[in-house]
Amino acid sequence: MQRIIKKLFEGRADLIDRDVRDCIKRGENYYVVYNNKTMTLSPEDLKTKCLGRQYINNKNTGHKYELFSYKFVPDKPAKDEQQTS
């Protein structure tokens, strides 16, 4: 799964709980893109690297959900990409 985020809060990316749980259940990576930089979170990372959670109750729609926070650490570019830069 891939999610493009527009802003970070104190260097953290907030991800919607159902997306995180789906990735864990399916055993797939979660790709977070911010400012053309990508961070890859494995299912194990999604379980262990969560810094906190926030419960959201949208008064307009009545939807309730959680946001899981992860420190945004972009992946290091592959050696091939570093040589062409």
Protein backbone atom coordinates (compact mmCIF):
# COMPACT_ATOMS: atom_id res chain seq x y z
CA MET A 1 0.00 0.00 0.00
CA GLN A 2 1.19 3.52 -0.69
CA ARG A 3 0.12 6.77 0.97
CA ILE A 4 1.23 10.26 -0.03
CA ILE A 5 1.22 12.65 2.91
CA LYS A 6 1.33 16.43 2.71
CA LYS A 7 2.74 17.30 6.11
CA LEU A 8 4.50 15.85 9.10
CA PHE A 9 3.89 16.70 12.74
CA GLU A 10 7.16 16.93 14.67
CA GLY A 11 8.78 14.65 12.08
CA ARG A 12 6.09 12.00 12.37
CA ALA A 13 3.76 10.58 9.76
CA ASP A 14 0.22 9.80 10.92
CA LEU A 15 -1.34 6.76 9.24
CA ILE A 16 -4.97 5.63 9.38
CA ASP A 17 -5.50 2.54 11.52
CA ARG A 18 -7.44 0.46 8.97
CA ASP A 19 -4.67 0.88 6.37
CA VAL A 20 -1.99 -0.15 8.86
CA ARG A 21 -4.01 -3.17 9.99
CA ASP A 22 -4.68 -4.21 6.36
CA CYS A 23 -0.95 -4.17 5.56
CA ILE A 24 -0.14 -6.22 8.65
CA LYS A 25 -2.90 -8.72 7.86
CA ARG A 26 -1.81 -9.08 4.22
CA GLY A 27 1.90 -9.14 5.08
CA GLU A 28 2.68 -6.27 2.72
CA ASN A 29 4.85 -3.19 3.06
CA TYR A 30 3.42 0.28 3.61
CA TYR A 31 5.10 2.98 1.49
CA VAL A 32 4.81 6.51 2.87
CA VAL A 33 5.74 9.31 0.45
CA TYR A 34 6.52 12.84 1.62
CA ASN A 35 8.30 15.53 -0.46
CA ASN A 36 9.26 12.93 -3.10
CA LYS A 37 11.00 10.81 -0.45
CA THR A 38 9.74 7.35 0.42
CA MET A 39 9.78 5.50 3.71
CA THR A 40 9.10 1.77 3.65
CA LEU A 41 7.48 0.16 6.69
CA SER A 42 7.40 -3.63 6.78
CA PRO A 43 4.56 -5.39 8.61
CA GLU A 44 6.96 -5.91 11.53
CA ASP A 45 7.85 -2.19 11.51
CA LEU A 46 4.16 -1.31 11.55
CA LYS A 47 3.77 -3.42 14.70
CA THR A 48 6.86 -2.27 16.56
CA LYS A 49 7.76 1.28 15.48
CA CYS A 50 4.48 3.02 16.31
CA LEU A 51 5.28 6.05 18.47
CA GLY A 52 1.71 6.70 19.54
CA ARG A 53 -1.91 6.77 18.58
CA GLN A 54 -4.63 9.35 18.50
CA TYR A 55 -8.37 8.66 18.52
CA ILE A 56 -10.37 10.78 16.08
CA ASN A 57 -14.11 11.35 16.21
CA ASN A 58 -15.23 13.31 13.15
CA LYS A 59 -18.25 15.29 14.33
CA ASN A 60 -19.37 16.07 10.76
CA THR A 61 -19.49 12.50 9.47
CA GLY A 62 -19.65 10.52 12.70
CA HIS A 63 -16.67 8.38 11.66
CA LYS A 64 -14.34 7.19 14.39
CA TYR A 65 -10.81 6.04 13.68
CA GLU A 66 -7.26 6.06 15.04
CA LEU A 67 -4.10 7.61 13.68
CA PHE A 68 -0.87 5.71 14.28
CA SER A 69 2.28 7.86 14.36
CA TYR A 70 5.62 6.77 12.90
CA LYS A 71 8.87 8.73 12.73
CA PHE A 72 9.45 9.61 9.07
CA VAL A 73 12.83 8.20 8.06
CA PRO A 74 13.24 8.13 4.27
CA ASP A 75 14.77 5.06 2.66
CA LYS A 76 18.36 5.44 1.62
CA PRO A 77 18.76 5.57 -2.17
CA ALA A 78 20.20 2.50 -3.85
CA LYS A 79 23.85 2.68 -4.93
CA ASP A 80 22.80 2.95 -8.59
CA GLU A 81 20.73 6.05 -7.79
CA GLN A 82 23.55 7.63 -5.77
CA GLN A 83 26.03 7.30 -8.65
CA THR A 84 23.73 9.01 -11.16
CA SER A 85 22.98 11.93 -8.82
